[in-house]
Amino acid sequence: MKLHFTRHFEERWVERVGPRRPTRAEAEAIIRESIQIQQYRDVYTPRGRRITILASYWHPGRGLVIKGARSGRDGKTGLQLVTVLTADGGQA
């Protein structure tokens, strides 16, 4: 799986998890070890407006949730990491 980090993801990682952001290999391992709690999907309002629901991956051992959107030409070959959430909001 190809991973892409958004600037927002990188900034939230530093703010909430720690100063060293994960390498792509480390992030891929975190995703593989995580429990997918929400699938990525596009939904549409009755007026046809698209709303994107991000995939959510929970890693209980690290106490974090990573959210991402599918990427790639076919929309299935990659994952664009959008944000990371922690239980304490990174205030530790």
N, C-alpha and C. Protein backbone atom coordinates (compact mmCIF):
# COMPACT_ATOMS: atom_id res chain seq x y z
N MET A 1 0.85 -1.17 0.00
CA MET A 1 0.00 0.00 0.00
C MET A 1 0.90 1.24 0.00
N LYS A 2 0.58 2.17 -0.87
CA LYS A 2 1.31 3.44 -0.90
C LYS A 2 0.67 4.41 0.09
N LEU A 3 1.50 4.98 0.93
CA LEU A 3 1.00 5.96 1.89
C LEU A 3 1.47 7.35 1.52
N HIS A 4 0.60 8.30 1.74
CA HIS A 4 0.91 9.71 1.53
C HIS A 4 0.54 10.44 2.81
N PHE A 5 1.42 11.32 3.28
CA PHE A 5 1.14 12.11 4.48
C PHE A 5 0.71 13.51 4.05
N THR A 6 -0.41 13.97 4.56
CA THR A 6 -0.78 15.37 4.33
C THR A 6 0.00 16.23 5.33
N ARG A 7 0.12 17.49 5.04
CA ARG A 7 0.78 18.41 5.97
C ARG A 7 0.02 18.42 7.30
N HIS A 8 -1.31 18.38 7.23
CA HIS A 8 -2.13 18.36 8.44
C HIS A 8 -1.79 17.14 9.30
N PHE A 9 -1.66 15.98 8.67
CA PHE A 9 -1.30 14.76 9.41
C PHE A 9 0.04 14.94 10.11
N GLU A 10 1.03 15.42 9.37
CA GLU A 10 2.36 15.60 9.95
C GLU A 10 2.33 16.59 11.12
N GLU A 11 1.61 17.69 10.97
CA GLU A 11 1.52 18.68 12.05
C GLU A 11 0.80 18.10 13.27
N ARG A 12 -0.30 17.37 13.05
CA ARG A 12 -1.04 16.78 14.18
C ARG A 12 -0.21 15.70 14.86
N TRP A 13 0.58 14.94 14.09
CA TRP A 13 1.42 13.90 14.69
C TRP A 13 2.40 14.55 15.67
N VAL A 14 3.09 15.58 15.23
CA VAL A 14 4.07 16.27 16.08
C VAL A 14 3.38 16.86 17.30
N GLU A 15 2.22 17.45 17.10
CA GLU A 15 1.49 18.09 18.20
C GLU A 15 0.93 17.08 19.20
N ARG A 16 0.42 15.96 18.70
CA ARG A 16 -0.33 15.04 19.56
C ARG A 16 0.42 13.79 19.97
N VAL A 17 1.39 13.35 19.16
CA VAL A 17 2.07 12.08 19.44
C VAL A 17 3.52 12.30 19.86
N GLY A 18 4.23 13.13 19.15
CA GLY A 18 5.63 13.39 19.49
C GLY A 18 6.37 14.04 18.35
N PRO A 19 7.57 14.52 18.62
CA PRO A 19 8.30 15.30 17.62
C PRO A 19 8.77 14.50 16.40
N ARG A 20 8.90 13.20 16.54
CA ARG A 20 9.39 12.40 15.43
C ARG A 20 8.22 11.74 14.70
N ARG A 21 7.96 12.21 13.48
CA ARG A 21 6.87 11.59 12.73
C ARG A 21 7.32 10.23 12.23
N PRO A 22 6.38 9.31 12.00
CA PRO A 22 6.77 7.97 11.56
C PRO A 22 7.24 7.97 10.12
N THR A 23 8.11 7.02 9.80
CA THR A 23 8.47 6.82 8.40
C THR A 23 7.27 6.18 7.71
N ARG A 24 7.29 6.12 6.42
CA ARG A 24 6.19 5.47 5.71
C ARG A 24 6.08 3.99 6.10
N ALA A 25 7.23 3.34 6.27
CA ALA A 25 7.22 1.93 6.68
C ALA A 25 6.61 1.77 8.08
N GLU A 26 6.96 2.67 9.00
CA GLU A 26 6.40 2.61 10.35
C GLU A 26 4.90 2.88 10.33
N ALA A 27 4.48 3.86 9.54
CA ALA A 27 3.05 4.18 9.44
C ALA A 27 2.29 3.01 8.83
N GLU A 28 2.88 2.37 7.84
CA GLU A 28 2.24 1.21 7.22
C GLU A 28 2.07 0.09 8.25
N ALA A 29 3.08 -0.14 9.08
CA ALA A 29 3.00 -1.15 10.13
C ALA A 29 1.91 -0.79 11.14
N ILE A 30 1.81 0.48 11.50
CA ILE A 30 0.77 0.91 12.43
C ILE A 30 -0.61 0.63 11.84
N ILE A 31 -0.80 0.95 10.56
CA ILE A 31 -2.09 0.69 9.91
C ILE A 31 -2.38 -0.81 9.88
N ARG A 32 -1.38 -1.63 9.53
CA ARG A 32 -1.56 -3.09 9.46
C ARG A 32 -1.95 -3.66 10.82
N GLU A 33 -1.36 -3.10 11.90
CA GLU A 33 -1.62 -3.60 13.25
C GLU A 33 -2.92 -3.05 13.83
N SER A 34 -3.51 -2.06 13.19
CA SER A 34 -4.69 -1.38 13.71
C SER A 34 -5.97 -2.12 13.36
N ILE A 35 -7.00 -1.75 14.07
CA ILE A 35 -8.35 -2.26 13.82
C ILE A 35 -9.08 -1.18 13.03
N GLN A 36 -9.58 -1.54 11.85
CA GLN A 36 -10.33 -0.56 11.07
C GLN A 36 -11.71 -0.41 11.69
N ILE A 37 -12.00 0.79 12.17
CA ILE A 37 -13.28 1.01 12.85
C ILE A 37 -14.28 1.74 11.96
N GLN A 38 -13.82 2.25 10.85
CA GLN A 38 -14.72 2.91 9.89
C GLN A 38 -14.11 2.82 8.50
N GLN A 39 -14.91 2.44 7.53
CA GLN A 39 -14.42 2.36 6.16
C GLN A 39 -14.53 3.70 5.47
N TYR A 40 -13.62 3.91 4.50
CA TYR A 40 -13.70 5.10 3.66
C TYR A 40 -14.88 4.94 2.72
N ARG A 41 -15.62 6.02 2.52
CA ARG A 41 -16.69 5.97 1.52
C ARG A 41 -17.13 7.38 1.18
N ASP A 42 -17.69 7.51 0.01
CA ASP A 42 -18.32 8.75 -0.41
C ASP A 42 -19.82 8.55 -0.31
N VAL A 43 -20.48 9.50 0.29
CA VAL A 43 -21.95 9.48 0.36
C VAL A 43 -22.45 10.76 -0.28
N TYR A 44 -23.69 10.76 -0.68
CA TYR A 44 -24.25 11.90 -1.39
C TYR A 44 -25.53 12.38 -0.72
N THR A 45 -25.66 13.69 -0.65
CA THR A 45 -26.88 14.29 -0.10
C THR A 45 -27.99 14.13 -1.14
N PRO A 46 -29.23 14.35 -0.76
CA PRO A 46 -30.32 14.28 -1.74
C PRO A 46 -30.13 15.25 -2.92
N ARG A 47 -29.38 16.32 -2.70
CA ARG A 47 -29.12 17.27 -3.79
C ARG A 47 -27.88 16.91 -4.60
N GLY A 48 -27.27 15.79 -4.29
CA GLY A 48 -26.13 15.33 -5.07
C GLY A 48 -24.78 15.80 -4.59
N ARG A 49 -24.72 16.48 -3.47
CA ARG A 49 -23.44 16.95 -2.94
C ARG A 49 -22.69 15.79 -2.30
N ARG A 50 -21.43 15.62 -2.69
CA ARG A 50 -20.62 14.52 -2.17
C ARG A 50 -20.03 14.87 -0.81
N ILE A 51 -20.10 13.91 0.08
CA ILE A 51 -19.49 14.03 1.40
C ILE A 51 -18.57 12.82 1.57
N THR A 52 -17.31 13.07 1.92
CA THR A 52 -16.35 11.99 2.09
C THR A 52 -16.26 11.60 3.56
N ILE A 53 -16.42 10.32 3.81
CA ILE A 53 -16.26 9.76 5.15
C ILE A 53 -14.88 9.11 5.17
N LEU A 54 -14.00 9.59 6.04
CA LEU A 54 -12.64 9.06 6.11
C LEU A 54 -12.60 7.69 6.78
N ALA A 55 -11.67 6.85 6.36
CA ALA A 55 -11.42 5.58 7.03
C ALA A 55 -10.76 5.89 8.37
N SER A 56 -11.08 5.10 9.39
CA SER A 56 -10.49 5.29 10.71
C SER A 56 -9.85 3.99 11.16
N TYR A 57 -8.61 4.10 11.63
CA TYR A 57 -7.84 2.95 12.10
C TYR A 57 -7.43 3.20 13.54
N TRP A 58 -7.84 2.30 14.44
CA TRP A 58 -7.55 2.43 15.87
C TRP A 58 -6.42 1.48 16.24
N HIS A 59 -5.39 2.03 16.86
CA HIS A 59 -4.28 1.22 17.35
C HIS A 59 -4.32 1.28 18.88
N PRO A 60 -4.93 0.25 19.53
CA PRO A 60 -5.10 0.31 20.98
C PRO A 60 -3.77 0.36 21.74
N GLY A 61 -2.74 -0.30 21.25
CA GLY A 61 -1.45 -0.31 21.93
C GLY A 61 -0.79 1.06 21.98
N ARG A 62 -1.01 1.86 20.96
CA ARG A 62 -0.44 3.21 20.91
C ARG A 62 -1.44 4.26 21.37
N GLY A 63 -2.70 3.86 21.53
CA GLY A 63 -3.72 4.79 21.98
C GLY A 63 -4.00 5.90 20.99
N LEU A 64 -4.08 5.54 19.71
CA LEU A 64 -4.35 6.57 18.71
C LEU A 64 -5.26 6.06 17.60
N VAL A 65 -5.86 7.02 16.93
CA VAL A 65 -6.70 6.75 15.76
C VAL A 65 -6.11 7.56 14.60
N ILE A 66 -5.91 6.87 13.48
CA ILE A 66 -5.44 7.53 12.27
C ILE A 66 -6.59 7.55 11.28
N LYS A 67 -6.81 8.70 10.66
CA LYS A 67 -7.88 8.83 9.66
C LYS A 67 -7.25 9.07 8.30
N GLY A 68 -7.84 8.45 7.29
CA GLY A 68 -7.28 8.60 5.95
C GLY A 68 -8.31 8.40 4.86
N ALA A 69 -7.92 8.82 3.66
CA ALA A 69 -8.76 8.69 2.47
C ALA A 69 -8.02 7.83 1.46
N ARG A 70 -8.76 7.06 0.71
CA ARG A 70 -8.17 6.25 -0.36
C ARG A 70 -7.60 7.17 -1.42
N SER A 71 -6.49 6.76 -2.01
CA SER A 71 -5.87 7.56 -3.06
C SER A 71 -5.38 6.63 -4.18
N GLY A 72 -4.80 7.23 -5.19
CA GLY A 72 -4.33 6.47 -6.34
C GLY A 72 -5.27 6.68 -7.52
N ARG A 73 -4.81 6.35 -8.68
CA ARG A 73 -5.63 6.55 -9.89
C ARG A 73 -6.95 5.82 -9.83
N ASP A 74 -6.93 4.63 -9.23
CA ASP A 74 -8.16 3.85 -9.13
C ASP A 74 -8.89 4.09 -7.81
N GLY A 75 -8.32 4.93 -6.95
CA GLY A 75 -8.94 5.22 -5.67
C GLY A 75 -8.83 4.10 -4.67
N LYS A 76 -7.98 3.10 -4.96
CA LYS A 76 -7.87 1.94 -4.09
C LYS A 76 -6.45 1.55 -3.74
N THR A 77 -5.46 2.05 -4.45
CA THR A 77 -4.10 1.55 -4.28
C THR A 77 -3.30 2.26 -3.20
N GLY A 78 -3.78 3.37 -2.71
CA GLY A 78 -3.02 4.10 -1.70
C GLY A 78 -3.91 4.60 -0.59
N LEU A 79 -3.27 5.16 0.40
CA LEU A 79 -3.99 5.74 1.52
C LEU A 79 -3.32 7.07 1.86
N GLN A 80 -4.11 8.11 1.85
CA GLN A 80 -3.62 9.44 2.20
C GLN A 80 -3.99 9.68 3.65
N LEU A 81 -2.97 9.76 4.52
CA LEU A 81 -3.21 9.94 5.94
C LEU A 81 -3.54 11.41 6.19
N VAL A 82 -4.68 11.65 6.81
CA VAL A 82 -5.21 13.00 6.95
C VAL A 82 -4.99 13.56 8.34
N THR A 83 -5.23 12.76 9.38
CA THR A 83 -5.05 13.27 10.75
C THR A 83 -4.81 12.12 11.71
N VAL A 84 -4.39 12.45 12.91
CA VAL A 84 -4.20 11.48 13.98
C VAL A 84 -4.84 12.06 15.24
N LEU A 85 -5.54 11.20 15.97
CA LEU A 85 -6.21 11.59 17.20
C LEU A 85 -5.66 10.77 18.36
N THR A 86 -5.55 11.38 19.52
CA THR A 86 -5.14 10.66 20.73
C THR A 86 -6.17 10.93 21.81
N ALA A 87 -6.20 10.04 22.79
CA ALA A 87 -7.19 10.17 23.86
C ALA A 87 -7.05 11.47 24.64
N ASP A 88 -5.82 11.90 24.85
CA ASP A 88 -5.61 13.12 25.63
C ASP A 88 -5.46 14.36 24.76
N GLY A 89 -5.63 14.19 23.47
CA GLY A 89 -5.51 15.33 22.56
C GLY A 89 -4.09 15.84 22.43
N GLY A 90 -3.11 15.01 22.83
CA GLY A 90 -1.72 15.41 22.70
C GLY A 90 -1.26 16.35 23.79
N GLN A 91 -1.98 16.41 24.89
CA GLN A 91 -1.65 17.33 25.96
C GLN A 91 -0.74 16.71 27.02
N ALA A 92 -0.24 15.51 26.77
CA ALA A 92 0.59 14.82 27.77
C ALA A 92 1.96 15.47 27.90
